[in-house]
C-alpha atoms as a PDB file:
ATOM      1  CA  MET A   1       0.191   0.035  -0.124  1.00  0.00           C
ATOM      2  CA  MET A   2       0.957   3.651  -0.718  1.00  0.00           C
ATOM      3  CA  GLU A   3      -0.230   6.753   0.927  1.00  0.00           C
ATOM      4  CA  VAL A   4      -0.239  10.020  -0.541  1.00  0.00           C
ATOM      5  CA  GLY A   5      -1.785  12.939   1.457  1.00  0.00           C
ATOM      6  CA  ASN A   6      -5.320  11.520   2.405  1.00  0.00           C
ATOM      7  CA  VAL A   7      -5.249   8.715  -0.329  1.00  0.00           C
ATOM      8  CA  ILE A   8      -4.379   5.114   0.053  1.00  0.00           C
ATOM      9  CA  LEU A   9      -3.516   3.289  -2.835  1.00  0.00           C
ATOM     10  CA  SER A  10      -3.134  -0.396  -3.529  1.00  0.00           C
ATOM     11  CA  ASP A  11       0.108  -1.404  -4.870  1.00  0.00           C
ATOM     12  CA  ASP A  12      -1.429  -2.834  -7.978  1.00  0.00           C
ATOM     13  CA  ILE A  13      -1.514   0.717  -9.580  1.00  0.00           C
ATOM     14  CA  LYS A  14       2.165   0.573  -9.964  1.00  0.00           C
ATOM     15  CA  ASP A  15       2.649  -3.248 -10.420  1.00  0.00           C
ATOM     16  CA  GLU A  16      -0.016  -3.985 -13.006  1.00  0.00           C
ATOM     17  CA  PHE A  17       0.016  -2.865 -16.427  1.00  0.00           C
ATOM     18  CA  PHE A  18      -3.005  -1.431 -18.531  1.00  0.00           C
ATOM     19  CA  VAL A  19      -3.702   0.422 -21.747  1.00  0.00           C
ATOM     20  CA  CYS A  20      -7.427   0.162 -23.107  1.00  0.00           C
ATOM     21  CA  ASP A  21      -7.604  -1.960 -26.367  1.00  0.00           C
ATOM     22  CA  LEU A  22     -10.959  -0.644 -27.688  1.00  0.00           C
ATOM     23  CA  GLU A  23     -10.531  -2.508 -30.748  1.00  0.00           C
ATOM     24  CA  ARG A  24     -10.821  -5.657 -28.947  1.00  0.00           C
ATOM     25  CA  CYS A  25     -13.162  -5.028 -25.921  1.00  0.00           C
ATOM     26  CA  LYS A  26     -15.503  -2.669 -27.971  1.00  0.00           C
ATOM     27  CA  GLY A  27     -16.256  -0.666 -24.910  1.00  0.00           C
ATOM     28  CA  ALA A  28     -17.681  -3.392 -22.692  1.00  0.00           C
ATOM     29  CA  CYS A  29     -16.914  -1.479 -19.649  1.00  0.00           C
ATOM     30  CA  CYS A  30     -20.009   0.680 -20.855  1.00  0.00           C
ATOM     31  CA  VAL A  31     -22.421  -2.419 -20.877  1.00  0.00           C
ATOM     32  CA  GLU A  32     -21.087  -4.911 -18.314  1.00  0.00           C
ATOM     33  CA  GLY A  33     -21.875  -4.504 -14.707  1.00  0.00           C
ATOM     34  CA  ASP A  34     -25.117  -4.124 -12.469  1.00  0.00           C
ATOM     35  CA  LEU A  35     -25.198  -0.204 -12.629  1.00  0.00           C
ATOM     36  CA  GLY A  36     -24.454   2.588 -14.751  1.00  0.00           C
ATOM     37  CA  ALA A  37     -21.314   4.752 -14.073  1.00  0.00           C
ATOM     38  CA  PRO A  38     -20.777   5.918 -10.431  1.00  0.00           C
ATOM     39  CA  LEU A  39     -21.448   9.528  -9.867  1.00  0.00           C
ATOM     40  CA  THR A  40     -20.047  11.888  -7.328  1.00  0.00           C
ATOM     41  CA  GLU A  41     -22.535  14.237  -5.640  1.00  0.00           C
ATOM     42  CA  ASP A  42     -20.381  17.016  -7.135  1.00  0.00           C
ATOM     43  CA  GLU A  43     -21.266  15.691 -10.664  1.00  0.00           C
ATOM     44  CA  LEU A  44     -25.020  15.823 -10.184  1.00  0.00           C
ATOM     45  CA  ASP A  45     -25.396  19.519 -11.000  1.00  0.00           C
ATOM     46  CA  ILE A  46     -23.131  19.262 -13.820  1.00  0.00           C
ATOM     47  CA  ILE A  47     -25.018  16.191 -15.216  1.00  0.00           C
ATOM     48  CA  ASP A  48     -27.930  18.400 -15.086  1.00  0.00           C
ATOM     49  CA  SER A  49     -26.888  21.471 -16.484  1.00  0.00           C
ATOM     50  CA  ILE A  50     -25.237  19.515 -19.645  1.00  0.00           C
ATOM     51  CA  GLN A  51     -28.195  17.634 -20.519  1.00  0.00           C
ATOM     52  CA  GLN A  52     -29.455  19.847 -23.445  1.00  0.00           C
ATOM     53  CA  VAL A  53     -25.894  19.712 -24.831  1.00  0.00           C
ATOM     54  CA  VAL A  54     -25.637  15.983 -24.369  1.00  0.00           C
ATOM     55  CA  LEU A  55     -29.148  14.678 -25.382  1.00  0.00           C
ATOM     56  CA  PRO A  56     -28.538  14.919 -29.066  1.00  0.00           C
ATOM     57  CA  TYR A  57     -25.473  12.687 -28.829  1.00  0.00           C
ATOM     58  CA  LEU A  58     -27.498   9.892 -27.451  1.00  0.00           C
ATOM     59  CA  SER A  59     -28.929   7.005 -28.965  1.00  0.00           C
ATOM     60  CA  PRO A  60     -32.898   6.863 -29.353  1.00  0.00           C
ATOM     61  CA  LYS A  61     -32.867   4.203 -26.456  1.00  0.00           C
ATOM     62  CA  GLY A  62     -30.420   6.263 -24.508  1.00  0.00           C
ATOM     63  CA  LYS A  63     -32.413   9.581 -24.805  1.00  0.00           C
ATOM     64  CA  LYS A  64     -35.650   7.662 -23.905  1.00  0.00           C
ATOM     65  CA  GLU A  65     -34.081   6.222 -20.865  1.00  0.00           C
ATOM     66  CA  VAL A  66     -32.698   9.476 -19.484  1.00  0.00           C
ATOM     67  CA  GLU A  67     -36.109  10.936 -20.167  1.00  0.00           C
ATOM     68  CA  ASN A  68     -37.780   8.091 -18.295  1.00  0.00           C
ATOM     69  CA  GLN A  69     -35.417   7.398 -15.294  1.00  0.00           C
ATOM     70  CA  GLY A  70     -33.840  10.997 -15.191  1.00  0.00           C
ATOM     71  CA  ALA A  71     -30.179  12.270 -15.716  1.00  0.00           C
ATOM     72  CA  TYR A  72     -28.856   9.956 -13.014  1.00  0.00           C
ATOM     73  CA  ILE A  73     -30.445   7.446 -10.611  1.00  0.00           C
ATOM     74  CA  LEU A  74     -30.193   6.881  -6.881  1.00  0.00           C
ATOM     75  CA  ASP A  75     -29.593   3.172  -6.069  1.00  0.00           C
ATOM     76  CA  GLU A  76     -30.849   1.141  -2.932  1.00  0.00           C
ATOM     77  CA  GLU A  77     -27.528   1.836  -1.242  1.00  0.00           C
ATOM     78  CA  GLY A  78     -27.738   5.679  -1.511  1.00  0.00           C
ATOM     79  CA  ASP A  79     -25.229   6.046  -4.344  1.00  0.00           C
ATOM     80  CA  TYR A  80     -25.799   8.087  -7.666  1.00  0.00           C
ATOM     81  CA  SER A  81     -25.043   6.484 -11.054  1.00  0.00           C
ATOM     82  CA  THR A  82     -26.030   7.032 -14.687  1.00  0.00           C
ATOM     83  CA  PRO A  83     -29.122   5.514 -16.004  1.00  0.00           C
ATOM     84  CA  THR A  84     -28.949   2.380 -18.024  1.00  0.00           C
ATOM     85  CA  ILE A  85     -30.801   0.688 -20.916  1.00  0.00           C
ATOM     86  CA  ASP A  86     -32.432  -2.515 -19.817  1.00  0.00           C
ATOM     87  CA  ASN A  87     -29.958  -2.670 -16.821  1.00  0.00           C
ATOM     88  CA  LYS A  88     -26.946  -3.091 -19.137  1.00  0.00           C
ATOM     89  CA  GLU A  89     -25.338  -0.309 -21.272  1.00  0.00           C
ATOM     90  CA  CYS A  90     -25.134   3.127 -19.933  1.00  0.00           C
ATOM     91  CA  ALA A  91     -27.736   5.552 -21.412  1.00  0.00           C
ATOM     92  CA  TYR A  92     -24.898   7.853 -22.368  1.00  0.00           C
ATOM     93  CA  ALA A  93     -23.028   5.298 -24.285  1.00  0.00           C
ATOM     94  CA  ILE A  94     -22.861   5.737 -28.120  1.00  0.00           C
ATOM     95  CA  ASN A  95     -21.596   3.474 -30.722  1.00  0.00           C
ATOM     96  CA  ASP A  96     -19.151   4.736 -33.196  1.00  0.00           C
ATOM     97  CA  ALA A  97     -18.843   3.910 -36.739  1.00  0.00           C
ATOM     98  CA  ARG A  98     -16.506   0.853 -35.888  1.00  0.00           C
ATOM     99  CA  GLY A  99     -19.246  -0.488 -33.368  1.00  0.00           C
ATOM    100  CA  ILE A 100     -17.171   0.649 -30.363  1.00  0.00           C
ATOM    101  CA  LEU A 101     -19.082   2.133 -27.460  1.00  0.00           C
ATOM    102  CA  LYS A 102     -18.028   5.461 -26.379  1.00  0.00           C
ATOM    103  CA  CYS A 103     -19.550   8.196 -24.130  1.00  0.00           C
ATOM    104  CA  GLY A 104     -21.972  10.745 -25.297  1.00  0.00           C
ATOM    105  CA  ILE A 105     -20.906  13.235 -22.675  1.00  0.00           C
ATOM    106  CA  GLU A 106     -17.312  12.941 -23.964  1.00  0.00           C
ATOM    107  CA  GLN A 107     -18.272  13.383 -27.376  1.00  0.00           C
ATOM    108  CA  ALA A 108     -20.021  16.555 -26.516  1.00  0.00           C
ATOM    109  CA  TYR A 109     -16.844  17.637 -24.639  1.00  0.00           C
ATOM    110  CA  LEU A 110     -14.563  16.780 -27.641  1.00  0.00           C
ATOM    111  CA  ASP A 111     -16.755  18.942 -29.908  1.00  0.00           C
ATOM    112  CA  GLY A 112     -16.223  21.745 -27.574  1.00  0.00           C
ATOM    113  CA  LYS A 113     -19.994  21.873 -26.375  1.00  0.00           C
ATOM    114  CA  THR A 114     -19.137  21.361 -22.635  1.00  0.00           C
ATOM    115  CA  SER A 115     -16.189  21.564 -20.402  1.00  0.00           C
ATOM    116  CA  PHE A 116     -17.119  18.503 -18.640  1.00  0.00           C
ATOM    117  CA  LYS A 117     -15.202  15.497 -20.173  1.00  0.00           C
ATOM    118  CA  LYS A 118     -17.180  12.475 -18.431  1.00  0.00           C
ATOM    119  CA  PRO A 119     -17.743  11.192 -15.031  1.00  0.00           C
ATOM    120  CA  ILE A 120     -14.426  10.861 -13.075  1.00  0.00           C
ATOM    121  CA  SER A 121     -15.293   7.200 -12.400  1.00  0.00           C
ATOM    122  CA  CYS A 122     -15.308   6.394 -16.053  1.00  0.00           C
ATOM    123  CA  HIS A 123     -12.214   8.507 -16.712  1.00  0.00           C
ATOM    124  CA  LEU A 124     -10.329   6.696 -13.947  1.00  0.00           C
ATOM    125  CA  TYR A 125     -11.368   3.172 -14.890  1.00  0.00           C
ATOM    126  CA  PRO A 126      -9.831   0.633 -14.154  1.00  0.00           C
ATOM    127  CA  ILE A 127      -9.329   2.306 -10.946  1.00  0.00           C
ATOM    128  CA  ARG A 128     -12.275   2.624  -8.381  1.00  0.00           C
ATOM    129  CA  ILE A 129     -12.155   4.859  -5.381  1.00  0.00           C
ATOM    130  CA  SER A 130     -13.971   4.306  -2.020  1.00  0.00           C
ATOM    131  CA  SER A 131     -14.216   7.421  -0.241  1.00  0.00           C
ATOM    132  CA  TYR A 132     -14.284   7.355   3.661  1.00  0.00           C
ATOM    133  CA  THR A 133     -14.671  10.250   6.149  1.00  0.00           C
ATOM    134  CA  LYS A 134     -10.912  10.673   6.480  1.00  0.00           C
ATOM    135  CA  PHE A 135      -9.358   9.181   3.240  1.00  0.00           C
ATOM    136  CA  ASP A 136      -9.928   7.795  -0.131  1.00  0.00           C
ATOM    137  CA  ALA A 137      -8.987   4.130  -0.958  1.00  0.00           C
ATOM    138  CA  VAL A 138      -7.726   3.806  -4.456  1.00  0.00           C
ATOM    139  CA  ASN A 139      -7.878   0.184  -5.957  1.00  0.00           C
ATOM    140  CA  TYR A 140      -7.154  -1.424  -9.200  1.00  0.00           C
ATOM    141  CA  ASP A 141     -10.270  -3.236 -10.356  1.00  0.00           C
ATOM    142  CA  GLN A 142      -9.373  -6.320 -12.292  1.00  0.00           C
ATOM    143  CA  TRP A 143     -12.032  -7.531 -14.494  1.00  0.00           C
ATOM    144  CA  HIS A 144     -12.195 -10.216 -17.215  1.00  0.00           C
ATOM    145  CA  ILE A 145     -13.260  -7.674 -19.808  1.00  0.00           C
ATOM    146  CA  CYS A 146     -10.162  -5.752 -19.725  1.00  0.00           C
ATOM    147  CA  LYS A 147      -7.990  -8.832 -20.348  1.00  0.00           C
ATOM    148  CA  ALA A 148      -6.834  -7.174 -23.803  1.00  0.00           C
ATOM    149  CA  ALA A 149      -6.028  -3.894 -22.024  1.00  0.00           C
ATOM    150  CA  CYS A 150      -3.906  -5.603 -19.465  1.00  0.00           C
ATOM    151  CA  SER A 151      -1.981  -7.532 -22.344  1.00  0.00           C
ATOM    152  CA  ASN A 152      -1.577  -4.256 -24.332  1.00  0.00           C
ATOM    153  CA  GLY A 153      -0.251  -2.444 -21.124  1.00  0.00           C
ATOM    154  CA  LYS A 154       2.087  -5.219 -20.520  1.00  0.00           C
ATOM    155  CA  SER A 155       3.421  -5.156 -24.060  1.00  0.00           C
ATOM    156  CA  LEU A 156       3.882  -1.336 -24.120  1.00  0.00           C
ATOM    157  CA  GLY A 157       5.152  -1.323 -20.644  1.00  0.00           C
ATOM    158  CA  VAL A 158       2.681   1.030 -19.275  1.00  0.00           C
ATOM    159  CA  PRO A 159       1.522   0.611 -15.472  1.00  0.00           C
ATOM    160  CA  VAL A 160      -1.881   1.549 -14.365  1.00  0.00           C
ATOM    161  CA  TYR A 161      -0.895   4.836 -12.912  1.00  0.00           C
ATOM    162  CA  LYS A 162       0.820   6.050 -16.110  1.00  0.00           C
ATOM    163  CA  PHE A 163      -2.212   5.176 -18.146  1.00  0.00           C
ATOM    164  CA  LEU A 164      -4.227   6.955 -15.839  1.00  0.00           C
ATOM    165  CA  LYS A 165      -2.122  10.183 -15.426  1.00  0.00           C
ATOM    166  CA  GLU A 166      -4.775  12.605 -16.808  1.00  0.00           C
ATOM    167  CA  PRO A 167      -7.715  11.462 -14.638  1.00  0.00           C
ATOM    168  CA  LEU A 168      -5.607  11.037 -11.488  1.00  0.00           C
ATOM    169  CA  ILE A 169      -4.305  14.578 -11.953  1.00  0.00           C
ATOM    170  CA  ARG A 170      -8.107  15.701 -12.616  1.00  0.00           C
ATOM    171  CA  LYS A 171      -9.153  13.903  -9.373  1.00  0.00           C
ATOM    172  CA  TYR A 172      -6.355  14.853  -7.047  1.00  0.00           C
ATOM    173  CA  GLY A 173      -4.147  17.463  -8.571  1.00  0.00           C
ATOM    174  CA  GLU A 174      -0.584  17.746 -10.371  1.00  0.00           C
ATOM    175  CA  ASP A 175       1.179  18.108  -6.906  1.00  0.00           C
ATOM    176  CA  TRP A 176      -0.373  14.806  -5.779  1.00  0.00           C
ATOM    177  CA  TYR A 177       0.459  12.928  -8.856  1.00  0.00           C
ATOM    178  CA  GLY A 178       4.137  14.353  -8.709  1.00  0.00           C
ATOM    179  CA  GLU A 179       4.260  12.860  -5.120  1.00  0.00           C
ATOM    180  CA  LEU A 180       2.883   9.669  -6.199  1.00  0.00           C
ATOM    181  CA  THR A 181       5.313   9.205  -8.846  1.00  0.00           C
ATOM    182  CA  CYS A 182       8.178   9.929  -6.251  1.00  0.00           C
ATOM    183  CA  ILE A 183       6.959   7.298  -4.014  1.00  0.00           C
ATOM    184  CA  ILE A 184       6.663   4.821  -6.655  1.00  0.00           C
ATOM    185  CA  HIS A 185      10.214   5.554  -7.883  1.00  0.00           C
ATOM    186  CA  GLU A 186      11.924   5.642  -4.298  1.00  0.00           C
END
């Protein structure tokens, strides 16, 4: 385990390798699982405020689910997440021309329609964060659907923390990330 500020990280983020291989997985993380993308309470107002910009990017089924369920849902455990289509794919997921699932929110961001890239839980995947009163626990989520990403990362020599540099900085800041890299290289 490593500790950076009030964040405790599993050693897996430095020891394991990962680089998404969308050609092989086709964005399976947008479909697999029992809920949509986890959302922080800070993201709820943002998700509400960008709906009119994002809705045109969504599939007809995605739009229908957002209209029916709302921009986000509250589950039985009191956590917020994106709505899903038939309890499978995220309502914000869209297919590109190659059949790869991508994020409609992120596409709106890439087109300059919003400054919000996508939920931090998606941006940080395969890292999952559990927040507690005094610290965050950061763990690498090893999932069979990402087997190609693990192989890709290993062949390229890219550990999880390097693959996720941008979202880790987005979440915790440049100084924090610098401290993390110093600890890893000690």
